[in-house]
PDB file of all heavy atoms in Angstrom:
ATOM      1  N   PHE A   1       0.826  -1.164   0.000  1.00  0.00           N
ATOM      2  CA  PHE A   1       0.011  -0.006   0.021  1.00  0.00           C
ATOM      3  C   PHE A   1       0.883   1.249  -0.014  1.00  0.00           C
ATOM      4  O   PHE A   1       1.795   1.391   0.818  1.00  0.00           O
ATOM      5  CB  PHE A   1      -0.914   0.022   1.212  1.00  0.00           C
ATOM      6  CG  PHE A   1      -1.880   1.179   1.218  1.00  0.00           C
ATOM      7  CD1 PHE A   1      -2.992   1.140   0.484  1.00  0.00           C
ATOM      8  CD2 PHE A   1      -1.595   2.347   1.985  1.00  0.00           C
ATOM      9  CE1 PHE A   1      -3.894   2.213   0.524  1.00  0.00           C
ATOM     10  CE2 PHE A   1      -2.454   3.381   2.007  1.00  0.00           C
ATOM     11  CZ  PHE A   1      -3.599   3.333   1.231  1.00  0.00           C
ATOM     12  N   GLY A   2       0.627   2.153  -0.892  1.00  0.00           N
ATOM     13  CA  GLY A   2       1.418   3.389  -1.102  1.00  0.00           C
ATOM     14  C   GLY A   2       2.548   3.219  -2.068  1.00  0.00           C
ATOM     15  O   GLY A   2       3.119   4.264  -2.470  1.00  0.00           O
ATOM     16  N   LEU A   3       2.894   1.955  -2.492  1.00  0.00           N
ATOM     17  CA  LEU A   3       3.824   1.837  -3.531  1.00  0.00           C
ATOM     18  C   LEU A   3       3.104   1.812  -4.862  1.00  0.00           C
ATOM     19  O   LEU A   3       1.869   1.740  -4.927  1.00  0.00           O
ATOM     20  CB  LEU A   3       4.514   0.449  -3.307  1.00  0.00           C
ATOM     21  CG  LEU A   3       5.443   0.336  -2.167  1.00  0.00           C
ATOM     22  CD1 LEU A   3       6.033  -1.064  -2.059  1.00  0.00           C
ATOM     23  CD2 LEU A   3       6.584   1.364  -2.144  1.00  0.00           C
ATOM     24  N   PRO A   4       3.806   1.992  -5.963  1.00  0.00           N
ATOM     25  CA  PRO A   4       3.148   1.916  -7.313  1.00  0.00           C
ATOM     26  C   PRO A   4       2.355   0.616  -7.468  1.00  0.00           C
ATOM     27  O   PRO A   4       2.660  -0.395  -6.871  1.00  0.00           O
ATOM     28  CB  PRO A   4       4.350   1.930  -8.211  1.00  0.00           C
ATOM     29  CG  PRO A   4       5.434   2.693  -7.539  1.00  0.00           C
ATOM     30  CD  PRO A   4       5.292   2.289  -6.155  1.00  0.00           C
ATOM     31  N   LEU A   5       1.278   0.811  -8.181  1.00  0.00           N
ATOM     32  CA  LEU A   5       0.293  -0.229  -8.301  1.00  0.00           C
ATOM     33  C   LEU A   5       0.904  -1.647  -8.711  1.00  0.00           C
ATOM     34  O   LEU A   5       0.360  -2.661  -8.285  1.00  0.00           O
ATOM     35  CB  LEU A   5      -0.817   0.158  -9.290  1.00  0.00           C
ATOM     36  CG  LEU A   5      -2.068  -0.576  -9.348  1.00  0.00           C
ATOM     37  CD1 LEU A   5      -2.790  -0.617  -8.011  1.00  0.00           C
ATOM     38  CD2 LEU A   5      -3.048   0.080 -10.371  1.00  0.00           C
ATOM     39  N   ALA A   6       1.936  -1.638  -9.497  1.00  0.00           N
ATOM     40  CA  ALA A   6       2.451  -2.847  -9.909  1.00  0.00           C
ATOM     41  C   ALA A   6       2.913  -3.772  -8.793  1.00  0.00           C
ATOM     42  O   ALA A   6       2.855  -4.997  -8.928  1.00  0.00           O
ATOM     43  CB  ALA A   6       3.715  -2.564 -10.855  1.00  0.00           C
ATOM     44  N   PHE A   7       3.346  -3.208  -7.677  1.00  0.00           N
ATOM     45  CA  PHE A   7       3.772  -3.960  -6.578  1.00  0.00           C
ATOM     46  C   PHE A   7       2.534  -4.724  -5.926  1.00  0.00           C
ATOM     47  O   PHE A   7       2.830  -5.742  -5.314  1.00  0.00           O
ATOM     48  CB  PHE A   7       4.410  -3.058  -5.427  1.00  0.00           C
ATOM     49  CG  PHE A   7       5.760  -2.474  -5.813  1.00  0.00           C
ATOM     50  CD1 PHE A   7       5.861  -1.363  -6.635  1.00  0.00           C
ATOM     51  CD2 PHE A   7       6.888  -3.107  -5.378  1.00  0.00           C
ATOM     52  CE1 PHE A   7       7.084  -0.834  -6.916  1.00  0.00           C
ATOM     53  CE2 PHE A   7       8.200  -2.610  -5.707  1.00  0.00           C
ATOM     54  CZ  PHE A   7       8.189  -1.471  -6.484  1.00  0.00           C
ATOM     55  N   SER A   8       1.361  -4.294  -6.097  1.00  0.00           N
ATOM     56  CA  SER A   8       0.228  -4.966  -5.538  1.00  0.00           C
ATOM     57  C   SER A   8       0.082  -6.354  -5.993  1.00  0.00           C
ATOM     58  O   SER A   8      -0.500  -7.256  -5.344  1.00  0.00           O
ATOM     59  CB  SER A   8      -1.095  -4.231  -5.849  1.00  0.00           C
ATOM     60  OG  SER A   8      -1.029  -2.906  -5.268  1.00  0.00           O
ATOM     61  N   VAL A   9       0.591  -6.696  -7.209  1.00  0.00           N
ATOM     62  CA  VAL A   9       0.477  -7.993  -7.734  1.00  0.00           C
ATOM     63  C   VAL A   9       1.167  -9.023  -6.839  1.00  0.00           C
ATOM     64  O   VAL A   9       0.698 -10.193  -6.752  1.00  0.00           O
ATOM     65  CB  VAL A   9       1.150  -8.047  -9.129  1.00  0.00           C
ATOM     66  CG1 VAL A   9       1.231  -9.510  -9.698  1.00  0.00           C
ATOM     67  CG2 VAL A   9       0.338  -7.132 -10.168  1.00  0.00           C
ATOM     68  N   THR A  10       2.208  -8.607  -6.101  1.00  0.00           N
ATOM     69  CA  THR A  10       2.868  -9.583  -5.187  1.00  0.00           C
ATOM     70  C   THR A  10       2.003 -10.097  -4.086  1.00  0.00           C
ATOM     71  O   THR A  10       2.250 -11.155  -3.517  1.00  0.00           O
ATOM     72  CB  THR A  10       4.167  -8.943  -4.547  1.00  0.00           C
ATOM     73  OG1 THR A  10       3.811  -7.833  -3.842  1.00  0.00           O
ATOM     74  CG2 THR A  10       5.088  -8.500  -5.776  1.00  0.00           C
ATOM     75  N   ASP A  11       0.984  -9.322  -3.731  1.00  0.00           N
ATOM     76  CA  ASP A  11       0.118  -9.669  -2.630  1.00  0.00           C
ATOM     77  C   ASP A  11      -1.058 -10.583  -3.023  1.00  0.00           C
ATOM     78  O   ASP A  11      -1.700 -11.200  -2.223  1.00  0.00           O
ATOM     79  CB  ASP A  11      -0.572  -8.409  -1.966  1.00  0.00           C
ATOM     80  CG  ASP A  11       0.384  -7.705  -1.069  1.00  0.00           C
ATOM     81  OD1 ASP A  11       1.302  -8.356  -0.469  1.00  0.00           O
ATOM     82  OD2 ASP A  11       0.220  -6.433  -0.934  1.00  0.00           O
ATOM     83  N   ILE A  12      -1.150 -10.746  -4.372  1.00  0.00           N
ATOM     84  CA  ILE A  12      -2.275 -11.702  -4.834  1.00  0.00           C
ATOM     85  C   ILE A  12      -1.923 -13.081  -4.536  1.00  0.00           C
ATOM     86  O   ILE A  12      -2.781 -13.961  -4.473  1.00  0.00           O
ATOM     87  CB  ILE A  12      -2.513 -11.430  -6.360  1.00  0.00           C
ATOM     88  CG1 ILE A  12      -2.926  -9.961  -6.580  1.00  0.00           C
ATOM     89  CG2 ILE A  12      -3.519 -12.467  -6.869  1.00  0.00           C
ATOM     90  CD1 ILE A  12      -4.248  -9.587  -5.877  1.00  0.00           C
ATOM     91  N   ASP A  13      -0.690 -13.373  -4.416  1.00  0.00           N
ATOM     92  CA  ASP A  13      -0.242 -14.799  -4.066  1.00  0.00           C
ATOM     93  C   ASP A  13      -0.829 -15.164  -2.850  1.00  0.00           C
ATOM     94  O   ASP A  13      -0.900 -14.435  -1.763  1.00  0.00           O
ATOM     95  CB  ASP A  13       1.327 -14.811  -3.966  1.00  0.00           C
ATOM     96  CG  ASP A  13       1.907 -16.216  -3.966  1.00  0.00           C
ATOM     97  OD1 ASP A  13       1.298 -17.031  -3.235  1.00  0.00           O
ATOM     98  OD2 ASP A  13       2.840 -16.491  -4.671  1.00  0.00           O
ATOM     99  N   ALA A  14      -1.336 -16.449  -2.748  1.00  0.00           N
ATOM    100  CA  ALA A  14      -1.964 -16.909  -1.487  1.00  0.00           C
ATOM    101  C   ALA A  14      -1.077 -16.972  -0.264  1.00  0.00           C
ATOM    102  O   ALA A  14      -1.530 -17.083   0.894  1.00  0.00           O
ATOM    103  CB  ALA A  14      -2.473 -18.361  -1.788  1.00  0.00           C
ATOM    104  N   ILE A  15       0.312 -16.793  -0.479  1.00  0.00           N
ATOM    105  CA  ILE A  15       1.233 -16.739   0.587  1.00  0.00           C
ATOM    106  C   ILE A  15       0.943 -15.571   1.495  1.00  0.00           C
ATOM    107  O   ILE A  15       1.169 -15.562   2.702  1.00  0.00           O
ATOM    108  CB  ILE A  15       2.676 -16.909   0.185  1.00  0.00           C
ATOM    109  CG1 ILE A  15       2.918 -18.148  -0.557  1.00  0.00           C
ATOM    110  CG2 ILE A  15       3.597 -16.686   1.318  1.00  0.00           C
ATOM    111  CD1 ILE A  15       4.284 -18.277  -1.206  1.00  0.00           C
ATOM    112  N   SER A  16       0.505 -14.427   0.881  1.00  0.00           N
ATOM    113  CA  SER A  16       0.349 -13.243   1.604  1.00  0.00           C
ATOM    114  C   SER A  16      -0.927 -13.449   2.602  1.00  0.00           C
ATOM    115  O   SER A  16      -1.736 -14.368   2.422  1.00  0.00           O
ATOM    116  CB  SER A  16      -0.104 -12.099   0.601  1.00  0.00           C
ATOM    117  OG  SER A  16       0.973 -11.890  -0.339  1.00  0.00           O
ATOM    118  N   GLY A  17      -0.934 -12.538   3.548  1.00  0.00           N
ATOM    119  CA  GLY A  17      -2.120 -12.546   4.483  1.00  0.00           C
ATOM    120  C   GLY A  17      -3.363 -12.203   3.667  1.00  0.00           C
ATOM    121  O   GLY A  17      -3.296 -11.541   2.697  1.00  0.00           O
ATOM    122  N   TRP A  18      -4.530 -12.617   4.195  1.00  0.00           N
ATOM    123  CA  TRP A  18      -5.764 -12.472   3.430  1.00  0.00           C
ATOM    124  C   TRP A  18      -6.103 -11.009   3.286  1.00  0.00           C
ATOM    125  O   TRP A  18      -6.613 -10.557   2.191  1.00  0.00           O
ATOM    126  CB  TRP A  18      -6.862 -13.296   4.091  1.00  0.00           C
ATOM    127  CG  TRP A  18      -8.134 -13.408   3.304  1.00  0.00           C
ATOM    128  CD1 TRP A  18      -8.166 -13.597   1.907  1.00  0.00           C
ATOM    129  CD2 TRP A  18      -9.435 -13.461   3.782  1.00  0.00           C
ATOM    130  NE1 TRP A  18      -9.475 -13.623   1.535  1.00  0.00           N
ATOM    131  CE2 TRP A  18     -10.252 -13.580   2.554  1.00  0.00           C
ATOM    132  CE3 TRP A  18     -10.049 -13.352   4.937  1.00  0.00           C
ATOM    133  CZ2 TRP A  18     -11.645 -13.631   2.708  1.00  0.00           C
ATOM    134  CZ3 TRP A  18     -11.485 -13.448   5.076  1.00  0.00           C
ATOM    135  CH2 TRP A  18     -12.272 -13.576   3.889  1.00  0.00           C
ATOM    136  N   LYS A  19      -5.986 -10.229   4.383  1.00  0.00           N
ATOM    137  CA  LYS A  19      -6.361  -8.834   4.294  1.00  0.00           C
ATOM    138  C   LYS A  19      -5.529  -8.039   3.184  1.00  0.00           C
ATOM    139  O   LYS A  19      -6.075  -7.386   2.343  1.00  0.00           O
ATOM    140  CB  LYS A  19      -6.256  -8.116   5.648  1.00  0.00           C
ATOM    141  CG  LYS A  19      -6.849  -6.733   5.678  1.00  0.00           C
ATOM    142  CD  LYS A  19      -6.876  -6.150   7.097  1.00  0.00           C
ATOM    143  CE  LYS A  19      -7.472  -4.812   7.179  1.00  0.00           C
ATOM    144  NZ  LYS A  19      -6.561  -3.764   6.585  1.00  0.00           N
ATOM    145  N   PRO A  20      -4.190  -8.131   3.274  1.00  0.00           N
ATOM    146  CA  PRO A  20      -3.506  -7.393   2.214  1.00  0.00           C
ATOM    147  C   PRO A  20      -3.735  -8.037   0.813  1.00  0.00           C
ATOM    148  O   PRO A  20      -3.699  -7.338  -0.221  1.00  0.00           O
ATOM    149  CB  PRO A  20      -1.964  -7.632   2.576  1.00  0.00           C
ATOM    150  CG  PRO A  20      -1.954  -8.715   3.613  1.00  0.00           C
ATOM    151  CD  PRO A  20      -3.305  -8.709   4.309  1.00  0.00           C
ATOM    152  N   GLN A  21      -4.091  -9.288   0.721  1.00  0.00           N
ATOM    153  CA  GLN A  21      -4.467  -9.919  -0.534  1.00  0.00           C
ATOM    154  C   GLN A  21      -5.715  -9.291  -1.105  1.00  0.00           C
ATOM    155  O   GLN A  21      -5.737  -8.883  -2.208  1.00  0.00           O
ATOM    156  CB  GLN A  21      -4.637 -11.390  -0.348  1.00  0.00           C
ATOM    157  CG  GLN A  21      -4.884 -12.149  -1.675  1.00  0.00           C
ATOM    158  CD  GLN A  21      -5.112 -13.674  -1.474  1.00  0.00           C
ATOM    159  OE1 GLN A  21      -5.573 -14.096  -0.431  1.00  0.00           O
ATOM    160  NE2 GLN A  21      -4.849 -14.408  -2.489  1.00  0.00           N
ATOM    161  N   ILE A  22      -6.738  -9.106  -0.211  1.00  0.00           N
ATOM    162  CA  ILE A  22      -8.044  -8.540  -0.661  1.00  0.00           C
ATOM    163  C   ILE A  22      -7.753  -6.992  -1.033  1.00  0.00           C
ATOM    164  O   ILE A  22      -8.178  -6.538  -2.091  1.00  0.00           O
ATOM    165  CB  ILE A  22      -9.047  -8.499   0.524  1.00  0.00           C
ATOM    166  CG1 ILE A  22      -9.495  -9.912   0.802  1.00  0.00           C
ATOM    167  CG2 ILE A  22     -10.236  -7.639   0.131  1.00  0.00           C
ATOM    168  CD1 ILE A  22     -10.384 -10.071   1.967  1.00  0.00           C
ATOM    169  N   GLU A  23      -7.019  -6.268  -0.252  1.00  0.00           N
ATOM    170  CA  GLU A  23      -6.774  -4.874  -0.563  1.00  0.00           C
ATOM    171  C   GLU A  23      -6.045  -4.706  -1.845  1.00  0.00           C
ATOM    172  O   GLU A  23      -6.381  -3.883  -2.658  1.00  0.00           O
ATOM    173  CB  GLU A  23      -5.941  -4.236   0.574  1.00  0.00           C
ATOM    174  CG  GLU A  23      -6.783  -4.143   1.909  1.00  0.00           C
ATOM    175  CD  GLU A  23      -5.858  -3.714   3.101  1.00  0.00           C
ATOM    176  OE1 GLU A  23      -4.653  -3.988   2.996  1.00  0.00           O
ATOM    177  OE2 GLU A  23      -6.396  -3.144   4.003  1.00  0.00           O
ATOM    178  N   ALA A  24      -5.035  -5.623  -2.138  1.00  0.00           N
ATOM    179  CA  ALA A  24      -4.335  -5.551  -3.363  1.00  0.00           C
ATOM    180  C   ALA A  24      -5.207  -5.869  -4.522  1.00  0.00           C
ATOM    181  O   ALA A  24      -5.149  -5.232  -5.575  1.00  0.00           O
ATOM    182  CB  ALA A  24      -3.120  -6.457  -3.320  1.00  0.00           C
ATOM    183  N   ALA A  25      -6.070  -6.904  -4.293  1.00  0.00           N
ATOM    184  CA  ALA A  25      -6.969  -7.347  -5.440  1.00  0.00           C
ATOM    185  C   ALA A  25      -8.020  -6.220  -5.669  1.00  0.00           C
ATOM    186  O   ALA A  25      -8.326  -5.986  -6.887  1.00  0.00           O
ATOM    187  CB  ALA A  25      -7.738  -8.584  -4.996  1.00  0.00           C
ATOM    188  N   GLU A  26      -8.446  -5.495  -4.789  1.00  0.00           N
ATOM    189  CA  GLU A  26      -9.346  -4.401  -4.976  1.00  0.00           C
ATOM    190  C   GLU A  26      -8.629  -3.241  -5.728  1.00  0.00           C
ATOM    191  O   GLU A  26      -9.212  -2.700  -6.694  1.00  0.00           O
ATOM    192  CB  GLU A  26      -9.875  -3.888  -3.586  1.00  0.00           C
ATOM    193  CG  GLU A  26     -10.924  -4.810  -2.952  1.00  0.00           C
ATOM    194  CD  GLU A  26     -11.420  -4.243  -1.654  1.00  0.00           C
ATOM    195  OE1 GLU A  26     -10.811  -3.356  -1.083  1.00  0.00           O
ATOM    196  OE2 GLU A  26     -12.489  -4.687  -1.247  1.00  0.00           O
ATOM    197  N   ARG A  27      -7.433  -2.947  -5.364  1.00  0.00           N
ATOM    198  CA  ARG A  27      -6.698  -1.893  -6.224  1.00  0.00           C
ATOM    199  C   ARG A  27      -6.504  -2.302  -7.578  1.00  0.00           C
ATOM    200  O   ARG A  27      -6.768  -1.460  -8.477  1.00  0.00           O
ATOM    201  CB  ARG A  27      -5.346  -1.707  -5.478  1.00  0.00           C
ATOM    202  CG  ARG A  27      -5.361  -1.062  -4.114  1.00  0.00           C
ATOM    203  CD  ARG A  27      -3.977  -0.487  -3.704  1.00  0.00           C
ATOM    204  NE  ARG A  27      -3.028  -1.512  -3.465  1.00  0.00           N
ATOM    205  CZ  ARG A  27      -2.834  -2.149  -2.309  1.00  0.00           C
ATOM    206  NH1 ARG A  27      -3.562  -1.861  -1.253  1.00  0.00           N
ATOM    207  NH2 ARG A  27      -1.840  -3.055  -2.262  1.00  0.00           N
ATOM    208  N   LEU A  28      -6.221  -3.554  -7.853  1.00  0.00           N
ATOM    209  CA  LEU A  28      -5.924  -3.980  -9.151  1.00  0.00           C
ATOM    210  C   LEU A  28      -7.247  -4.147 -10.009  1.00  0.00           C
ATOM    211  O   LEU A  28      -7.269  -3.816 -11.148  1.00  0.00           O
ATOM    212  CB  LEU A  28      -5.198  -5.330  -9.183  1.00  0.00           C
ATOM    213  CG  LEU A  28      -3.775  -5.272  -8.681  1.00  0.00           C
ATOM    214  CD1 LEU A  28      -3.174  -6.658  -8.440  1.00  0.00           C
ATOM    215  CD2 LEU A  28      -2.857  -4.472  -9.678  1.00  0.00           C
ATOM    216  N   ALA A  29      -8.365  -4.557  -9.293  1.00  0.00           N
ATOM    217  CA  ALA A  29      -9.569  -4.633  -9.971  1.00  0.00           C
ATOM    218  C   ALA A  29     -10.095  -3.260 -10.337  1.00  0.00           C
ATOM    219  O   ALA A  29     -10.693  -2.995 -11.411  1.00  0.00           O
ATOM    220  CB  ALA A  29     -10.668  -5.357  -9.111  1.00  0.00           C
ATOM    221  N   ARG A  30      -9.800  -2.250  -9.465  1.00  0.00           N
ATOM    222  CA  ARG A  30     -10.289  -0.910  -9.728  1.00  0.00           C
ATOM    223  C   ARG A  30      -9.513  -0.406 -10.974  1.00  0.00           C
ATOM    224  O   ARG A  30     -10.160   0.441 -11.710  1.00  0.00           O
ATOM    225  CB  ARG A  30      -9.954  -0.008  -8.508  1.00  0.00           C
ATOM    226  CG  ARG A  30     -10.587   1.338  -8.466  1.00  0.00           C
ATOM    227  CD  ARG A  30     -10.275   2.049  -7.193  1.00  0.00           C
ATOM    228  NE  ARG A  30     -10.865   1.500  -5.968  1.00  0.00           N
ATOM    229  CZ  ARG A  30     -10.175   0.933  -4.938  1.00  0.00           C
ATOM    230  NH1 ARG A  30      -8.837   0.921  -5.012  1.00  0.00           N
ATOM    231  NH2 ARG A  30     -10.877   0.447  -3.961  1.00  0.00           N
ATOM    232  N   SER A  31      -8.298  -0.739 -11.130  1.00  0.00           N
ATOM    233  CA  SER A  31      -7.507  -0.202 -12.270  1.00  0.00           C
ATOM    234  C   SER A  31      -7.777  -1.086 -13.619  1.00  0.00           C
ATOM    235  O   SER A  31      -7.254  -0.731 -14.634  1.00  0.00           O
ATOM    236  CB  SER A  31      -6.037  -0.257 -12.037  1.00  0.00           C
ATOM    237  OG  SER A  31      -5.498  -1.554 -12.035  1.00  0.00           O
ATOM    238  N   GLY A  32      -8.471  -2.173 -13.446  1.00  0.00           N
ATOM    239  CA  GLY A  32      -8.786  -2.995 -14.617  1.00  0.00           C
ATOM    240  C   GLY A  32      -7.791  -4.095 -14.816  1.00  0.00           C
ATOM    241  O   GLY A  32      -7.873  -4.831 -15.859  1.00  0.00           O
TER     242      GLY A  32
END
């Protein structure tokens, strides 16, 4: 969060915690 949007892709991996995974998925879904 706060880094360029491309970094959010790393949180989509199931290894990440669920909350950051959801937040990253929402950011990426919002951008298409």
